[in-house]
Amino acid sequence: MHEPSKYLTDRQVAERYAVHRNTIHRWARERDFPKSVKLGDNCKRWRIDDLENWEARQEVA
């Protein structure tokens, strides 16, 4: 059975990469960075699986 994806807020993603929250949103607009997932009207989150896949691609590059 596949475990459901877990999600992080922009604050948690920023802490993960030691950058400002605005940087995460800029990366999502301008770079090959995972896009957020809209979970509600004012609720956007990043899937941990997407972030880990992005990290793996960065290590290879």
N, C-alpha and C. Protein backbone atom coordinates (compact mmCIF):
# COMPACT_ATOMS: atom_id res chain seq x y z
N MET A 1 0.84 -1.18 0.00
CA MET A 1 0.00 0.00 0.00
C MET A 1 0.89 1.25 0.00
N HIS A 2 0.57 2.22 -0.82
CA HIS A 2 1.33 3.45 -0.94
C HIS A 2 0.88 4.43 0.15
N GLU A 3 1.86 4.92 0.92
CA GLU A 3 1.55 5.91 1.96
C GLU A 3 1.24 7.24 1.31
N PRO A 4 0.21 7.96 1.78
CA PRO A 4 -0.12 9.25 1.18
C PRO A 4 1.02 10.24 1.32
N SER A 5 1.12 11.14 0.34
CA SER A 5 2.14 12.18 0.37
C SER A 5 1.94 13.08 1.57
N LYS A 6 3.04 13.52 2.11
CA LYS A 6 2.98 14.51 3.17
C LYS A 6 3.30 15.85 2.55
N TYR A 7 2.84 16.89 3.18
CA TYR A 7 2.96 18.24 2.64
C TYR A 7 3.71 19.15 3.60
N LEU A 8 4.35 20.17 3.02
CA LEU A 8 5.03 21.20 3.80
C LEU A 8 4.50 22.58 3.42
N THR A 9 4.48 23.48 4.38
CA THR A 9 4.11 24.87 4.11
C THR A 9 5.31 25.59 3.49
N ASP A 10 5.08 26.80 2.99
CA ASP A 10 6.20 27.56 2.43
C ASP A 10 7.24 27.85 3.51
N ARG A 11 6.81 28.05 4.73
CA ARG A 11 7.74 28.29 5.84
C ARG A 11 8.62 27.06 6.09
N GLN A 12 8.01 25.88 6.06
CA GLN A 12 8.77 24.65 6.27
C GLN A 12 9.74 24.39 5.12
N VAL A 13 9.31 24.67 3.90
CA VAL A 13 10.19 24.48 2.74
C VAL A 13 11.36 25.46 2.83
N ALA A 14 11.09 26.69 3.22
CA ALA A 14 12.15 27.69 3.36
C ALA A 14 13.16 27.25 4.43
N GLU A 15 12.67 26.72 5.52
CA GLU A 15 13.57 26.22 6.57
C GLU A 15 14.40 25.05 6.06
N ARG A 16 13.81 24.19 5.27
CA ARG A 16 14.51 23.02 4.73
C ARG A 16 15.72 23.44 3.90
N TYR A 17 15.59 24.55 3.15
CA TYR A 17 16.67 25.00 2.27
C TYR A 17 17.39 26.23 2.80
N ALA A 18 17.05 26.66 4.01
CA ALA A 18 17.70 27.81 4.66
C ALA A 18 17.63 29.07 3.79
N VAL A 19 16.43 29.35 3.29
CA VAL A 19 16.18 30.55 2.48
C VAL A 19 14.91 31.21 3.00
N HIS A 20 14.64 32.40 2.50
CA HIS A 20 13.42 33.13 2.87
C HIS A 20 12.22 32.53 2.15
N ARG A 21 11.06 32.68 2.73
CA ARG A 21 9.82 32.16 2.11
C ARG A 21 9.61 32.74 0.71
N ASN A 22 9.93 34.01 0.52
CA ASN A 22 9.78 34.62 -0.80
C ASN A 22 10.64 33.92 -1.85
N THR A 23 11.79 33.43 -1.43
CA THR A 23 12.69 32.73 -2.35
C THR A 23 12.03 31.46 -2.88
N ILE A 24 11.32 30.75 -2.03
CA ILE A 24 10.62 29.52 -2.45
C ILE A 24 9.60 29.84 -3.53
N HIS A 25 8.83 30.91 -3.35
CA HIS A 25 7.83 31.28 -4.34
C HIS A 25 8.49 31.74 -5.65
N ARG A 26 9.60 32.44 -5.54
CA ARG A 26 10.33 32.89 -6.74
C ARG A 26 10.90 31.68 -7.48
N TRP A 27 11.50 30.74 -6.75
CA TRP A 27 12.02 29.52 -7.39
C TRP A 27 10.91 28.78 -8.13
N ALA A 28 9.74 28.70 -7.53
CA ALA A 28 8.62 27.99 -8.16
C ALA A 28 8.18 28.68 -9.44
N ARG A 29 8.33 30.01 -9.51
CA ARG A 29 7.96 30.76 -10.72
C ARG A 29 9.05 30.71 -11.78
N GLU A 30 10.32 30.81 -11.37
CA GLU A 30 11.41 31.06 -12.31
C GLU A 30 12.31 29.87 -12.59
N ARG A 31 12.27 28.85 -11.79
CA ARG A 31 13.22 27.75 -11.92
C ARG A 31 12.51 26.41 -12.03
N ASP A 32 13.32 25.40 -12.19
CA ASP A 32 12.82 24.03 -12.22
C ASP A 32 12.65 23.54 -10.77
N PHE A 33 11.72 24.18 -10.07
CA PHE A 33 11.43 23.86 -8.68
C PHE A 33 9.99 23.38 -8.61
N PRO A 34 9.69 22.41 -7.74
CA PRO A 34 8.32 21.91 -7.68
C PRO A 34 7.30 23.03 -7.42
N LYS A 35 6.19 22.91 -8.08
CA LYS A 35 5.09 23.85 -7.88
C LYS A 35 4.30 23.43 -6.64
N SER A 36 3.68 24.39 -6.02
CA SER A 36 2.84 24.08 -4.86
C SER A 36 1.55 23.43 -5.34
N VAL A 37 0.89 22.77 -4.43
CA VAL A 37 -0.39 22.12 -4.68
C VAL A 37 -1.45 22.87 -3.89
N LYS A 38 -2.52 23.24 -4.55
CA LYS A 38 -3.60 23.97 -3.88
C LYS A 38 -4.52 22.97 -3.20
N LEU A 39 -4.58 23.05 -1.88
CA LEU A 39 -5.42 22.13 -1.11
C LEU A 39 -6.72 22.77 -0.66
N GLY A 40 -6.84 24.08 -0.84
CA GLY A 40 -8.04 24.80 -0.45
C GLY A 40 -7.97 26.21 -0.99
N ASP A 41 -8.94 27.03 -0.64
CA ASP A 41 -8.99 28.39 -1.16
C ASP A 41 -7.71 29.16 -0.87
N ASN A 42 -7.22 29.11 0.35
CA ASN A 42 -6.01 29.84 0.72
C ASN A 42 -4.97 28.89 1.30
N CYS A 43 -4.88 27.71 0.75
CA CYS A 43 -3.99 26.69 1.30
C CYS A 43 -3.16 26.07 0.18
N LYS A 44 -1.88 26.45 0.12
CA LYS A 44 -0.95 25.86 -0.84
C LYS A 44 0.15 25.15 -0.06
N ARG A 45 0.50 23.98 -0.53
CA ARG A 45 1.53 23.18 0.13
C ARG A 45 2.42 22.53 -0.93
N TRP A 46 3.61 22.11 -0.50
CA TRP A 46 4.53 21.37 -1.37
C TRP A 46 4.57 19.93 -0.91
N ARG A 47 4.50 19.02 -1.86
CA ARG A 47 4.60 17.59 -1.55
C ARG A 47 6.07 17.26 -1.24
N ILE A 48 6.27 16.55 -0.15
CA ILE A 48 7.63 16.14 0.22
C ILE A 48 8.23 15.27 -0.89
N ASP A 49 7.42 14.40 -1.49
CA ASP A 49 7.92 13.54 -2.57
C ASP A 49 8.47 14.38 -3.73
N ASP A 50 7.76 15.45 -4.09
CA ASP A 50 8.21 16.33 -5.17
C ASP A 50 9.53 17.01 -4.81
N LEU A 51 9.64 17.46 -3.56
CA LEU A 51 10.87 18.12 -3.12
C LEU A 51 12.05 17.15 -3.12
N GLU A 52 11.82 15.93 -2.65
CA GLU A 52 12.90 14.93 -2.63
C GLU A 52 13.34 14.55 -4.04
N ASN A 53 12.39 14.46 -4.97
CA ASN A 53 12.75 14.18 -6.36
C ASN A 53 13.56 15.32 -6.95
N TRP A 54 13.19 16.57 -6.65
CA TRP A 54 13.93 17.74 -7.12
C TRP A 54 15.34 17.73 -6.54
N GLU A 55 15.46 17.39 -5.25
CA GLU A 55 16.78 17.32 -4.61
C GLU A 55 17.66 16.29 -5.29
N ALA A 56 17.10 15.14 -5.62
CA ALA A 56 17.86 14.08 -6.28
C ALA A 56 18.36 14.54 -7.65
N ARG A 57 17.53 15.27 -8.37
CA ARG A 57 17.95 15.80 -9.68
C ARG A 57 19.07 16.82 -9.53
N GLN A 58 19.06 17.59 -8.44
CA GLN A 58 20.11 18.59 -8.22
C GLN A 58 21.45 17.91 -7.93
N GLU A 59 21.40 16.79 -7.22
CA GLU A 59 22.63 16.05 -6.88
C GLU A 59 23.27 15.47 -8.13
N VAL A 60 22.45 15.04 -9.08
CA VAL A 60 22.96 14.43 -10.31
C VAL A 60 23.55 15.49 -11.22
N ALA A 61 22.95 16.66 -11.25
CA ALA A 61 23.37 17.73 -12.16
C ALA A 61 24.67 18.36 -11.81
